[in-house]
Amino acid sequence: MHVLATAGHVDHGKSALLRALTGMEPDRWEEERRRGMTLDLGFVWTRLPGAGDLAFVDVPGHERLVGNMLAGVGPVPAVLFVVAADQGWQPQSEEHLAVLDALGVRHGVLVVSRSDLADPGAARDQALARIAESSLGKVPAVAVSAVTGAGLDALRTALGRLAGELPEPDRDADVRLWVDRAFTVRGRGTVVTGTLGAGTVRVGDRLRLARDGAVLRVRGLESLKEPREEAGAVARVAVNVTGPGAGGLRRGDALLTSDRWLTTDTVDVRLRGDPARELPRELTLHVGTAAVPVTVRPLGEDTARLRTAAPLPLRVGDSALLRDPGRHRVPAGITVLDVRPPRLTRRGAAAARERELRAARGAADEAGELRRRGLVRRSELLAMGVPPTADPVAGEWLADPAHWEELRERLGRVVEDHAARNPLEPGMPLEAARQALGLPERALVEALLERSPGLGHSDGRLYGSRARPALPARAEAAVEAVRADLARAPFRAPEAERLRELGLTPKLLAAAEAAGELLRIGEGIVLLPGADTRAAAVLARLAQPFTASQARRALDTTRRVVIPLLEYLDERGRTVRVDGTLRRCRAVGPGDG
């Protein structure tokens, strides 16, 4: 199927033309038929030989109904532009063309209607000249009379040729269905209609409502009044949905593939049309079928930041337009450059942002997005409209190569700086490293470590060239005094009073242990490194099992030391409890001794 929208001045015969072309009535309301004027969107279709189904969105032409016209044109890729032979180019012809140009519509056919009332030549030449200056460029022109039927066959031929030139839609794309009508059908519930520009909708799908994130289930599906199990783009679809909030659906809502879209209320855009400095501060943004008030902040000659009154599901490269409804004017079309722009809080930030956006093309640019962001989740980049191809550096995280290398170098520096500031605890906690680098997850620090051969990781701490504490000179002398004491009596740990005299605080004792100078077997109890191995060897020579008292005598120590020493040996599997009072060395069998 192919879908076109009509465009043109009020009373130039758009609806009459579609009636003659399709045999269907595009005006749905009795008021429209009574007044002979389209007030809201109408939908009709026909089948062309060799071109398949061709559907039309008929839009109103009155100046006060341009908002309705925009809702019909917004999601549609091509246009049937109608100009009456007896009236020629009119004000709404100009505004509708400005709308199409702002949206970047590139495919269309000019129809000079009512050719039975006047020579169509002058109106055709004038319209072709104006249209050629827009995004549509050169278009075929056909003179038609809906009354006599003259020119209808030529129009069908032109439409068939146009259908063959339209770009092939991506039926595997993520769905974003802009709602143009929502109503209730007895026994079925809520039905919404729209033009499916990309992707495929299937019965049973769960689509997310952009406005509030509610998940709705596709209960039924029709296209051109025919029930379908699935419908692929491009297509006019009627979707029967059920779920929380389904009854509140309205024009301007969007139904999305779940978990594949971002919504945003702040976007940076490139402007087409008047320079940014001429834009009013308050305008209306039209995208899809939505019309949302926006505040405009110019950044440069052709860039601006838009703040929307409601979040919208936008992606990089989306086209939309800004309209001044009070002045019936379209001051600018836009191309979305960034749907997750940085905050502009510092002095000069806006100017810096404008320089950054000069290189943005408004199209999928993975390298550019990574360069601007440094780090971004793969799923978020995809939801922005930029399909990722790079391999993640950790989990879902993608990184700009230059930024990743800078982070690796910075990690080495912050680890070394930490060791210099904390000689007793040179190991930098992994969480502290994450915060110092401003990284969102610890997994990124761990990934940087894998690429940093000069750094080590142990017990949740990072080490550089200083893997062990550096004791102050006075503490070194105190530790040497303790080592001399223990050399004379290896299992008689110094008393707390002795440690205080030497100035060995718990922190210094911990640093001495980390430096490999002492072995702490309990709170305030230190021995020489290797004392646990020597103790296990002495105890293995005892009759097994043995008591704590027997161990104390064998090791020539006190109960204050032997109890924590035995518990230390238990924890390391050198000894094992037999019951409440007995232990044995693990290397000795229960029947030995």
Protein backbone atom coordinates (compact mmCIF):
# COMPACT_ATOMS: atom_id res chain seq x y z
CA MET A 1 0.00 0.00 0.00
CA HIS A 2 1.00 3.62 -0.57
CA VAL A 3 -0.45 6.59 1.30
CA LEU A 4 -0.78 10.17 0.06
CA ALA A 5 -2.25 13.26 1.67
CA THR A 6 -4.08 16.00 -0.16
CA ALA A 7 -3.05 19.64 0.07
CA GLY A 8 -4.44 22.87 -1.30
CA HIS A 9 -6.70 25.86 -0.75
CA VAL A 10 -10.23 25.49 0.61
CA ASP A 11 -12.90 24.75 -2.00
CA HIS A 12 -10.42 23.74 -4.71
CA GLY A 13 -12.08 20.35 -5.09
CA LYS A 14 -9.82 18.01 -3.12
CA SER A 15 -12.67 15.92 -1.72
CA ALA A 16 -14.58 15.91 -5.02
CA LEU A 17 -11.44 14.70 -6.78
CA LEU A 18 -10.99 11.81 -4.32
CA ARG A 19 -14.68 10.95 -4.65
CA ALA A 20 -14.32 10.68 -8.43
CA LEU A 21 -11.01 8.82 -8.19
CA THR A 22 -11.99 6.22 -5.58
CA GLY A 23 -15.78 6.10 -5.60
CA MET A 24 -15.70 6.66 -1.83
CA GLU A 25 -16.89 9.59 0.32
CA PRO A 26 -13.95 11.23 2.18
CA ASP A 27 -16.12 13.61 4.21
CA ARG A 28 -17.21 11.61 7.25
CA TRP A 29 -19.45 14.17 8.93
CA GLU A 30 -22.90 15.29 7.86
CA GLU A 31 -21.84 18.89 8.56
CA GLU A 32 -19.01 18.53 6.05
CA ARG A 33 -21.33 17.22 3.33
CA ARG A 34 -23.94 19.89 4.10
CA ARG A 35 -21.43 22.74 3.88
CA GLY A 36 -19.41 21.19 1.05
CA MET A 37 -16.22 21.81 3.05
CA THR A 38 -13.86 19.35 4.71
CA LEU A 39 -13.53 20.06 8.44
CA ASP A 40 -11.54 17.07 9.61
CA LEU A 41 -9.44 14.28 8.16
CA GLY A 42 -11.04 11.86 5.72
CA PHE A 43 -9.71 8.51 4.46
CA VAL A 44 -10.40 6.76 1.15
CA TRP A 45 -8.55 4.35 -1.11
CA THR A 46 -8.44 2.72 -4.51
CA ARG A 47 -6.50 0.02 -6.31
CA LEU A 48 -4.34 0.95 -9.28
CA PRO A 49 -3.24 -1.67 -11.84
CA GLY A 50 0.40 -2.45 -11.29
CA ALA A 51 0.67 -0.16 -8.24
CA GLY A 52 -1.53 -1.91 -5.70
CA ASP A 53 -3.59 -0.15 -3.07
CA LEU A 54 -3.35 3.62 -2.87
CA ALA A 55 -4.84 5.32 0.20
CA PHE A 56 -5.51 9.03 0.63
CA VAL A 57 -5.72 11.23 3.71
CA ASP A 58 -8.02 14.10 2.77
CA VAL A 59 -7.19 17.26 4.70
CA PRO A 60 -9.18 20.49 5.22
CA GLY A 61 -8.06 23.53 3.28
CA HIS A 62 -9.47 26.34 5.41
CA GLU A 63 -6.92 28.59 7.14
CA ARG A 64 -8.54 27.98 10.53
CA LEU A 65 -8.12 24.22 10.11
CA VAL A 66 -4.40 24.07 9.33
CA GLY A 67 -3.86 22.19 12.61
CA ASN A 68 -6.10 19.39 11.29
CA MET A 69 -4.31 19.52 7.96
CA LEU A 70 -0.95 19.08 9.70
CA ALA A 71 -2.22 16.03 11.58
CA GLY A 72 -3.00 14.41 8.24
CA VAL A 73 0.15 15.39 6.39
CA GLY A 74 2.63 14.82 9.22
CA PRO A 75 3.07 11.02 8.97
CA VAL A 76 2.52 10.74 5.18
CA PRO A 77 5.43 10.45 2.68
CA ALA A 78 3.78 11.93 -0.45
CA VAL A 79 1.18 14.51 -1.45
CA LEU A 80 -1.57 15.14 -3.99
CA PHE A 81 -1.41 18.93 -4.36
CA VAL A 82 -4.64 20.41 -5.74
CA VAL A 83 -5.03 23.84 -7.35
CA ALA A 84 -8.28 24.92 -9.04
CA ALA A 85 -8.01 25.98 -12.68
CA ASP A 86 -10.50 28.82 -12.19
CA GLN A 87 -8.82 30.30 -9.08
CA GLY A 88 -5.13 29.50 -9.37
CA TRP A 89 -2.65 29.85 -6.52
CA GLN A 90 -4.29 31.03 -3.27
CA PRO A 91 -3.19 31.88 0.31
CA GLN A 92 -3.78 28.39 1.65
CA SER A 93 -1.97 26.93 -1.34
CA GLU A 94 1.03 28.92 -0.12
CA GLU A 95 0.68 27.88 3.53
CA HIS A 96 0.16 24.22 2.64
CA LEU A 97 3.27 24.32 0.45
CA ALA A 98 5.20 25.94 3.31
CA VAL A 99 4.05 23.07 5.53
CA LEU A 100 5.20 20.43 3.03
CA ASP A 101 8.51 22.21 2.52
CA ALA A 102 9.09 22.48 6.27
CA LEU A 103 8.40 18.76 6.66
CA GLY A 104 10.76 17.98 3.79
CA VAL A 105 8.14 16.11 1.69
CA ARG A 106 9.83 15.15 -1.61
CA HIS A 107 7.20 13.19 -3.54
CA GLY A 108 3.97 14.44 -5.07
CA VAL A 109 1.69 15.10 -8.01
CA LEU A 110 0.09 18.43 -8.93
CA VAL A 111 -3.57 18.20 -9.91
CA VAL A 112 -5.20 21.19 -11.58
CA SER A 113 -8.84 20.61 -10.69
CA ARG A 114 -12.01 22.05 -12.15
CA SER A 115 -10.40 22.14 -15.58
CA ASP A 116 -13.91 22.12 -17.06
CA LEU A 117 -14.40 25.66 -15.72
CA ALA A 118 -11.22 27.31 -17.02
CA ASP A 119 -8.09 26.70 -19.07
CA PRO A 120 -5.75 24.91 -16.62
CA GLY A 121 -2.56 26.21 -18.24
CA ALA A 122 -2.05 29.41 -16.25
CA ALA A 123 -2.85 27.79 -12.87
CA ARG A 124 -0.60 24.83 -13.72
CA ASP A 125 2.40 27.00 -14.68
CA GLN A 126 2.03 29.22 -11.61
CA ALA A 127 1.73 26.25 -9.26
CA LEU A 128 4.65 24.35 -10.81
CA ALA A 129 6.87 27.41 -10.44
CA ARG A 130 6.02 27.77 -6.75
CA ILE A 131 6.30 24.04 -6.01
CA ALA A 132 9.69 23.82 -7.76
CA GLU A 133 11.14 26.14 -5.09
CA SER A 134 10.12 23.75 -2.29
CA SER A 135 11.35 20.35 -1.13
CA LEU A 136 8.98 18.77 -3.70
CA GLY A 137 10.96 20.18 -6.61
CA LYS A 138 9.71 19.22 -10.07
CA VAL A 139 6.47 17.25 -9.95
CA PRO A 140 4.22 15.88 -12.69
CA ALA A 141 1.04 17.87 -13.35
CA VAL A 142 -2.34 16.57 -14.50
CA ALA A 143 -5.45 18.61 -15.39
CA VAL A 144 -8.64 16.93 -14.14
CA SER A 145 -12.38 17.51 -13.95
CA ALA A 146 -14.16 15.61 -11.18
CA VAL A 147 -17.47 16.48 -12.90
CA THR A 148 -16.72 15.18 -16.42
CA GLY A 149 -14.06 12.64 -15.47
CA ALA A 150 -11.57 14.17 -17.88
CA GLY A 151 -7.97 13.54 -16.89
CA LEU A 152 -8.72 10.85 -14.28
CA ASP A 153 -6.98 8.12 -16.29
CA ALA A 154 -3.94 10.33 -16.74
CA LEU A 155 -3.98 10.99 -12.99
CA ARG A 156 -4.11 7.27 -12.25
CA THR A 157 -1.10 6.78 -14.50
CA ALA A 158 0.80 9.57 -12.75
CA LEU A 159 -0.09 8.16 -9.35
CA GLY A 160 1.04 4.69 -10.39
CA ARG A 161 4.37 6.14 -11.51
CA LEU A 162 4.68 8.08 -8.24
CA ALA A 163 3.97 4.92 -6.23
CA GLY A 164 6.86 3.18 -7.98
CA GLU A 165 9.21 6.02 -7.05
CA LEU A 166 8.42 6.10 -3.34
CA PRO A 167 11.19 4.73 -1.10
CA GLU A 168 10.71 1.20 0.19
CA PRO A 169 9.63 1.33 3.86
CA ASP A 170 11.47 -0.55 6.59
CA ARG A 171 8.95 -3.11 7.82
CA ASP A 172 11.37 -4.31 10.50
CA ALA A 173 11.72 -0.85 12.04
CA ASP A 174 10.44 0.09 15.48
CA VAL A 175 6.78 1.10 15.36
CA ARG A 176 5.73 4.68 16.04
CA LEU A 177 2.07 4.99 15.11
CA TRP A 178 0.80 8.55 15.39
CA VAL A 179 -2.92 8.52 16.23
CA ASP A 180 -5.11 10.69 14.01
CA ARG A 181 -8.48 9.34 15.20
CA ALA A 182 -9.63 7.55 18.35
CA PHE A 183 -13.16 6.25 18.93
CA THR A 184 -15.12 3.50 20.67
CA VAL A 185 -16.78 0.57 18.91
CA ARG A 186 -19.53 -1.24 20.80
CA GLY A 187 -18.33 -4.67 21.88
CA ARG A 188 -14.72 -3.99 20.88
CA GLY A 189 -13.64 -0.97 22.87
CA THR A 190 -11.12 1.63 21.73
CA VAL A 191 -10.00 1.84 18.12
CA VAL A 192 -7.33 4.22 16.84
CA THR A 193 -6.36 4.96 13.26
CA GLY A 194 -3.14 6.25 11.78
CA THR A 195 -0.63 6.00 8.97
CA LEU A 196 2.00 3.36 9.72
CA GLY A 197 5.13 4.80 8.17
CA ALA A 198 7.58 2.11 9.26
CA GLY A 199 7.57 -1.24 11.05
CA THR A 200 4.90 -3.90 11.37
CA VAL A 201 1.96 -4.16 13.77
CA ARG A 202 0.60 -7.59 14.71
CA VAL A 203 -2.40 -8.78 16.67
CA GLY A 204 -1.16 -9.57 20.17
CA ASP A 205 1.61 -6.94 20.12
CA ARG A 206 2.09 -4.83 23.19
CA LEU A 207 2.63 -1.19 22.33
CA ARG A 208 3.63 1.53 24.76
CA LEU A 209 1.75 4.82 24.92
CA ALA A 210 4.31 7.60 24.56
CA ARG A 211 2.37 10.01 26.77
CA ASP A 212 2.55 8.03 30.01
CA GLY A 213 4.24 4.71 29.27
CA ALA A 214 1.06 2.63 29.62
CA VAL A 215 1.28 -0.71 27.81
CA LEU A 216 -1.65 -1.49 25.48
CA ARG A 217 -2.34 -4.79 23.76
CA VAL A 218 -3.34 -4.99 20.10
CA ARG A 219 -6.64 -6.83 20.25
CA GLY A 220 -7.57 -6.50 16.58
CA LEU A 221 -6.28 -4.93 13.39
CA GLU A 222 -7.78 -3.66 10.13
CA SER A 223 -6.34 -2.07 7.03
CA LEU A 224 -8.64 -0.66 4.36
CA LYS A 225 -11.60 -2.16 6.24
CA GLU A 226 -10.14 -5.68 5.97
CA PRO A 227 -9.27 -7.65 9.15
CA ARG A 228 -5.56 -8.44 9.35
CA GLU A 229 -3.30 -10.47 11.61
CA GLU A 230 -0.50 -8.06 10.77
CA ALA A 231 0.05 -4.88 8.76
CA GLY A 232 3.39 -3.66 7.48
CA ALA A 233 4.36 -0.14 6.43
CA VAL A 234 3.32 1.89 4.62
CA ALA A 235 -0.34 1.39 5.54
CA ARG A 236 -3.49 3.00 6.84
CA VAL A 237 -4.40 0.97 9.92
CA ALA A 238 -7.21 0.80 12.45
CA VAL A 239 -5.96 -0.76 15.68
CA ASN A 240 -8.26 -2.09 18.40
CA VAL A 241 -6.32 -1.66 21.66
CA THR A 242 -7.03 -2.65 25.22
CA GLY A 243 -5.28 -1.82 28.48
CA PRO A 244 -4.98 0.91 31.10
CA GLY A 245 -5.82 4.32 29.69
CA ALA A 246 -6.97 3.01 26.29
CA GLY A 247 -10.22 4.96 26.62
CA GLY A 248 -8.29 8.24 26.91
CA LEU A 249 -6.39 7.94 23.62
CA ARG A 250 -6.60 11.00 21.39
CA ARG A 251 -5.15 12.59 18.29
CA GLY A 252 -1.49 13.37 18.79
CA ASP A 253 -0.79 10.28 20.89
CA ALA A 254 1.78 7.81 19.63
CA LEU A 255 1.90 4.03 20.09
CA LEU A 256 5.44 2.68 20.23
CA THR A 257 7.35 -0.57 20.15
CA SER A 258 7.99 -1.21 23.85
CA ASP A 259 11.43 -0.41 25.28
CA ARG A 260 12.76 0.90 21.97
CA TRP A 261 11.95 4.60 22.18
CA LEU A 262 12.93 7.57 24.30
CA THR A 263 10.59 10.42 25.09
CA THR A 264 12.02 13.86 25.56
CA ASP A 265 10.90 17.40 26.34
CA THR A 266 14.18 19.02 25.24
CA VAL A 267 15.71 18.73 21.77
CA ASP A 268 18.38 20.51 19.79
CA VAL A 269 17.37 21.07 16.18
CA ARG A 270 18.56 22.46 12.87
CA LEU A 271 16.21 25.06 11.40
CA ARG A 272 15.10 25.34 7.80
CA GLY A 273 13.59 28.66 6.82
CA ASP A 274 13.98 31.92 8.73
CA PRO A 275 17.12 32.38 10.84
CA ALA A 276 16.80 31.50 14.49
CA ARG A 277 17.04 35.12 15.62
CA GLU A 278 13.71 35.89 13.90
CA LEU A 279 11.76 33.12 15.63
CA PRO A 280 9.20 34.06 18.27
CA ARG A 281 9.96 32.59 21.66
CA GLU A 282 6.62 30.74 21.87
CA LEU A 283 5.52 28.55 18.96
CA THR A 284 3.74 25.26 18.26
CA LEU A 285 5.70 22.19 17.24
CA HIS A 286 3.91 19.88 14.81
CA VAL A 287 5.31 16.36 14.51
CA GLY A 288 3.36 13.33 13.36
CA THR A 289 -0.21 14.11 14.40
CA ALA A 290 0.88 15.96 17.55
CA ALA A 291 0.76 19.71 18.10
CA VAL A 292 2.66 20.80 21.22
CA PRO A 293 3.55 24.28 22.51
CA VAL A 294 7.31 24.89 22.60
CA THR A 295 9.70 27.48 23.92
CA VAL A 296 12.47 28.34 21.46
CA ARG A 297 16.02 29.19 22.51
CA PRO A 298 18.21 30.12 19.53
CA LEU A 299 21.74 28.71 19.66
CA GLY A 300 23.12 29.90 16.32
CA GLU A 301 22.12 31.01 12.82
CA ASP A 302 20.35 27.72 12.06
CA THR A 303 20.25 25.84 15.39
CA ALA A 304 17.96 26.12 18.39
CA ARG A 305 16.92 24.33 21.54
CA LEU A 306 13.23 23.49 21.88
CA ARG A 307 11.55 22.89 25.20
CA THR A 308 8.23 21.11 24.66
CA ALA A 309 5.19 21.35 26.92
CA ALA A 310 4.87 17.54 26.86
CA PRO A 311 7.39 14.74 26.24
CA LEU A 312 7.50 13.41 22.68
CA PRO A 313 8.93 10.22 21.13
CA LEU A 314 11.57 11.77 18.86
CA ARG A 315 14.68 10.46 17.16
CA VAL A 316 17.70 11.96 15.48
CA GLY A 317 16.80 12.88 11.91
CA ASP A 318 13.07 13.41 12.53
CA SER A 319 11.50 16.23 10.52
CA ALA A 320 8.86 18.50 12.00
CA LEU A 321 7.81 22.12 11.77
CA LEU A 322 7.31 25.15 13.95
CA ARG A 323 4.13 27.15 13.39
CA ASP A 324 2.91 30.46 14.67
CA PRO A 325 -0.87 29.80 14.86
CA GLY A 326 -1.71 33.42 15.66
CA ARG A 327 -0.09 34.72 12.48
CA HIS A 328 -0.97 31.67 10.29
CA ARG A 329 2.69 31.32 9.50
CA VAL A 330 5.23 28.50 9.31
CA PRO A 331 8.48 30.20 10.31
CA ALA A 332 10.69 27.12 10.16
CA GLY A 333 10.99 23.45 9.51
CA ILE A 334 13.28 21.49 11.79
CA THR A 335 15.51 18.45 11.72
CA VAL A 336 16.15 16.85 15.11
CA LEU A 337 19.86 16.73 15.94
CA ASP A 338 19.88 15.56 19.56
CA VAL A 339 17.14 14.13 21.78
CA ARG A 340 19.36 13.98 24.89
CA PRO A 341 21.18 17.33 24.78
CA PRO A 342 23.42 18.51 27.63
CA ARG A 343 22.21 21.15 30.07
CA LEU A 344 23.30 24.70 29.34
CA THR A 345 24.09 25.99 32.80
CA ARG A 346 27.59 27.48 32.57
CA ARG A 347 28.49 30.80 31.02
CA GLY A 348 29.32 30.30 27.37
CA ALA A 349 27.68 26.85 27.26
CA ALA A 350 25.19 27.86 24.55
CA ALA A 351 27.94 29.15 22.25
CA ALA A 352 29.98 26.00 22.83
CA ARG A 353 26.94 23.88 22.08
CA GLU A 354 26.31 25.77 18.82
CA ARG A 355 29.89 25.06 17.71
CA GLU A 356 29.40 21.39 18.58
CA LEU A 357 26.19 21.16 16.54
CA ARG A 358 27.73 22.62 13.39
CA ALA A 359 29.02 19.18 12.44
CA ALA A 360 25.77 17.37 13.28
CA ARG A 361 24.12 16.12 10.08
CA GLY A 362 20.68 15.28 11.45
CA ALA A 363 21.13 11.66 10.41
CA ALA A 364 22.33 8.47 12.07
CA ASP A 365 25.97 9.15 12.96
CA GLU A 366 27.31 6.66 15.47
CA ALA A 367 30.84 8.04 15.54
CA GLY A 368 29.56 11.59 16.01
CA GLU A 369 27.18 10.62 18.82
CA LEU A 370 29.93 8.69 20.63
CA ARG A 371 32.30 11.60 20.20
CA ARG A 372 29.76 14.05 21.67
CA ARG A 373 28.70 11.80 24.55
CA GLY A 374 31.86 9.86 25.36
CA LEU A 375 29.83 7.01 26.84
CA VAL A 376 26.30 5.85 26.04
CA ARG A 377 24.30 2.67 26.47
CA ARG A 378 23.75 0.71 23.27
CA SER A 379 19.98 0.54 23.81
CA GLU A 380 19.80 4.30 24.39
CA LEU A 381 21.75 5.05 21.21
CA LEU A 382 19.39 2.78 19.28
CA ALA A 383 16.37 4.50 20.85
CA MET A 384 17.81 7.86 19.76
CA GLY A 385 17.63 6.67 16.17
CA VAL A 386 21.30 5.77 15.74
CA PRO A 387 21.79 2.03 15.07
CA PRO A 388 25.01 1.02 16.85
CA THR A 389 27.69 -1.13 15.25
CA ALA A 390 30.57 -0.70 17.71
CA ASP A 391 31.33 -3.39 20.29
CA PRO A 392 30.47 -2.48 23.90
CA VAL A 393 33.39 -1.82 26.25
CA ALA A 394 31.41 -3.18 29.22
CA GLY A 395 27.90 -4.57 29.41
CA GLU A 396 25.75 -2.32 27.21
CA TRP A 397 28.15 0.62 27.28
CA LEU A 398 29.64 2.00 24.06
CA ALA A 399 32.56 4.43 24.21
CA ASP A 400 34.23 6.90 21.93
CA PRO A 401 37.75 5.44 21.41
CA ALA A 402 39.54 8.70 22.22
CA HIS A 403 37.43 9.27 25.34
CA TRP A 404 37.99 5.66 26.46
CA GLU A 405 41.75 6.06 26.10
CA GLU A 406 41.62 9.31 28.06
CA LEU A 407 39.67 7.55 30.84
CA ARG A 408 42.27 4.78 30.97
CA GLU A 409 45.07 7.33 31.37
CA ARG A 410 43.10 9.27 34.00
CA LEU A 411 42.47 6.08 35.97
CA GLY A 412 46.21 5.49 36.22
CA ARG A 413 46.73 9.04 37.45
CA VAL A 414 43.97 9.01 40.07
CA VAL A 415 45.19 5.67 41.46
CA GLU A 416 48.75 7.00 41.78
CA ASP A 417 47.49 10.28 43.28
CA HIS A 418 45.47 8.35 45.85
CA ALA A 419 48.55 6.30 46.83
CA ALA A 420 50.61 9.49 47.21
CA ARG A 421 47.96 11.07 49.46
CA ASN A 422 47.36 7.89 51.46
CA PRO A 423 50.73 6.18 51.94
CA LEU A 424 49.32 3.89 54.64
CA GLU A 425 46.45 2.77 52.36
CA PRO A 426 47.72 3.08 48.79
CA GLY A 427 44.95 0.89 47.37
CA MET A 428 42.14 3.06 45.96
CA PRO A 429 38.62 1.69 46.55
CA LEU A 430 36.95 0.81 43.25
CA GLU A 431 33.95 2.98 44.11
CA ALA A 432 36.21 5.97 44.80
CA ALA A 433 37.80 5.46 41.38
CA ARG A 434 34.37 5.36 39.74
CA GLN A 435 33.40 8.65 41.38
CA ALA A 436 36.73 10.29 40.52
CA LEU A 437 36.22 9.48 36.83
CA GLY A 438 32.52 10.37 36.88
CA LEU A 439 31.53 6.95 35.52
CA PRO A 440 27.97 5.63 35.88
CA GLU A 441 28.90 2.01 36.74
CA ARG A 442 31.75 0.15 38.45
CA ALA A 443 31.80 -2.30 35.53
CA LEU A 444 33.35 0.48 33.44
CA VAL A 445 36.23 0.86 35.92
CA GLU A 446 36.79 -2.90 35.80
CA ALA A 447 36.82 -2.78 32.00
CA LEU A 448 39.41 0.01 32.08
CA LEU A 449 41.54 -2.10 34.44
CA GLU A 450 41.66 -4.90 31.87
CA ARG A 451 43.28 -2.43 29.46
CA SER A 452 45.68 -0.97 32.04
CA PRO A 453 48.63 -3.36 32.53
CA GLY A 454 50.22 -1.02 35.08
CA LEU A 455 47.31 -1.33 37.50
CA GLY A 456 46.28 -4.16 39.81
CA HIS A 457 43.03 -5.05 41.55
CA SER A 458 42.72 -6.86 44.87
CA ASP A 459 39.96 -7.01 47.48
CA GLY A 460 38.02 -4.16 45.89
CA ARG A 461 41.03 -1.84 45.71
CA LEU A 462 43.15 -0.61 42.82
CA TYR A 463 46.94 -0.47 42.97
CA GLY A 464 49.49 1.23 40.79
CA SER A 465 53.22 1.33 41.32
CA ARG A 466 52.68 1.34 45.11
CA ALA A 467 51.07 -1.96 45.91
CA ARG A 468 52.09 -1.86 49.59
CA PRO A 469 51.78 0.82 52.28
CA ALA A 470 54.76 3.10 52.89
CA LEU A 471 55.27 3.41 56.66
CA PRO A 472 56.56 6.68 58.13
CA ALA A 473 60.12 6.46 59.46
CA ARG A 474 58.97 6.52 63.10
CA ALA A 475 56.49 3.73 62.46
CA GLU A 476 59.20 1.69 60.70
CA ALA A 477 61.36 1.93 63.81
CA ALA A 478 58.43 0.87 66.03
CA VAL A 479 57.70 -2.13 63.82
CA GLU A 480 61.36 -3.15 63.94
CA ALA A 481 61.18 -3.06 67.74
CA VAL A 482 58.15 -5.38 67.68
CA ARG A 483 59.90 -7.72 65.24
CA ALA A 484 62.91 -7.85 67.57
CA ASP A 485 60.61 -8.78 70.49
CA LEU A 486 58.99 -11.53 68.48
CA ALA A 487 62.30 -12.89 67.25
CA ARG A 488 63.07 -13.79 70.89
CA ALA A 489 59.56 -15.22 71.62
CA PRO A 490 57.71 -15.90 68.32
CA PHE A 491 54.27 -16.55 69.88
CA ARG A 492 54.30 -13.96 72.68
CA ALA A 493 52.53 -11.08 70.98
CA PRO A 494 53.33 -7.67 72.50
CA GLU A 495 50.85 -6.36 75.04
CA ALA A 496 48.60 -3.42 74.23
CA GLU A 497 50.67 -1.21 76.54
CA ARG A 498 53.83 -2.03 74.59
CA LEU A 499 52.14 -1.15 71.31
CA ARG A 500 50.94 2.17 72.72
CA GLU A 501 54.46 3.00 73.94
CA LEU A 502 55.74 2.42 70.44
CA GLY A 503 52.96 4.55 68.90
CA LEU A 504 51.54 1.67 66.86
CA THR A 505 47.89 2.57 66.38
CA PRO A 506 45.41 0.11 64.83
CA LYS A 507 45.77 1.97 61.52
CA LEU A 508 49.56 1.66 61.58
CA LEU A 509 49.32 -2.02 62.50
CA ALA A 510 46.98 -2.57 59.52
CA ALA A 511 49.43 -0.76 57.27
CA ALA A 512 52.33 -2.84 58.62
CA GLU A 513 50.38 -6.01 57.87
CA ALA A 514 49.56 -4.80 54.35
CA ALA A 515 53.27 -4.03 53.87
CA GLY A 516 54.10 -7.60 54.86
CA GLU A 517 55.96 -6.53 58.04
CA LEU A 518 53.59 -8.08 60.59
CA LEU A 519 50.79 -10.65 60.78
CA ARG A 520 47.60 -9.67 62.60
CA ILE A 521 45.72 -12.67 63.97
CA GLY A 522 43.22 -10.68 66.02
CA GLU A 523 42.38 -7.24 67.32
CA GLY A 524 45.65 -5.77 68.67
CA ILE A 525 47.49 -9.11 68.40
CA VAL A 526 50.40 -9.24 65.96
CA LEU A 527 53.06 -11.86 65.20
CA LEU A 528 55.77 -12.19 62.59
CA PRO A 529 54.74 -13.15 59.04
CA GLY A 530 54.81 -16.95 58.75
CA ALA A 531 54.07 -17.46 62.44
CA ASP A 532 50.84 -19.27 61.54
CA THR A 533 52.76 -21.85 59.49
CA ARG A 534 55.33 -22.37 62.27
CA ALA A 535 52.52 -22.70 64.85
CA ALA A 536 50.74 -25.34 62.74
CA ALA A 537 54.00 -27.31 62.47
CA VAL A 538 54.47 -27.25 66.28
CA LEU A 539 50.86 -28.30 66.91
CA ALA A 540 51.12 -31.16 64.40
CA ARG A 541 53.74 -32.78 66.67
CA LEU A 542 51.27 -32.91 69.58
CA ALA A 543 49.15 -35.96 70.33
CA GLN A 544 45.93 -35.44 68.35
CA PRO A 545 43.43 -34.10 69.27
CA PHE A 546 44.73 -31.44 71.64
CA THR A 547 43.33 -28.77 73.95
CA ALA A 548 43.91 -25.03 73.89
CA SER A 549 45.92 -25.42 77.10
CA GLN A 550 48.21 -28.00 75.45
CA ALA A 551 48.64 -25.69 72.48
CA ARG A 552 49.49 -22.74 74.75
CA ARG A 553 52.24 -24.72 76.48
CA ALA A 554 53.64 -26.06 73.21
CA LEU A 555 53.82 -22.59 71.72
CA ASP A 556 55.08 -20.97 74.93
CA THR A 557 52.48 -18.23 74.86
CA THR A 558 49.47 -16.93 76.77
CA ARG A 559 45.77 -17.63 76.57
CA ARG A 560 45.30 -14.07 75.24
CA VAL A 561 47.28 -15.12 72.16
CA VAL A 562 46.57 -18.82 71.75
CA ILE A 563 42.76 -18.54 71.48
CA PRO A 564 42.74 -16.03 68.55
CA LEU A 565 45.70 -17.90 67.01
CA LEU A 566 43.78 -21.20 67.03
CA GLU A 567 40.69 -19.47 65.59
CA TYR A 568 42.91 -17.97 62.89
CA LEU A 569 44.24 -21.46 62.06
CA ASP A 570 40.67 -22.81 62.03
CA GLU A 571 39.58 -20.18 59.49
CA ARG A 572 42.46 -21.09 57.19
CA GLY A 573 41.86 -24.82 57.40
CA ARG A 574 45.08 -25.69 59.25
CA THR A 575 43.20 -26.90 62.33
CA VAL A 576 39.68 -28.21 62.84
CA ARG A 577 37.50 -28.48 65.95
CA VAL A 578 36.62 -31.95 67.16
CA ASP A 579 34.27 -30.78 69.93
CA GLY A 580 33.91 -27.86 72.33
CA THR A 581 37.43 -28.29 73.80
CA LEU A 582 39.48 -30.34 71.35
CA ARG A 583 41.11 -29.60 68.00
CA ARG A 584 43.31 -31.50 65.65
CA CYS A 585 45.58 -30.51 62.82
CA ARG A 586 43.88 -31.15 59.52
CA ALA A 587 46.89 -32.99 58.15
CA VAL A 588 46.61 -35.55 60.98
CA GLY A 589 43.97 -38.30 60.70
CA PRO A 590 41.43 -38.84 63.54
CA GLY A 591 42.99 -42.18 64.49
CA ASP A 592 46.59 -40.94 64.63
CA GLY A 593 48.40 -39.81 67.79
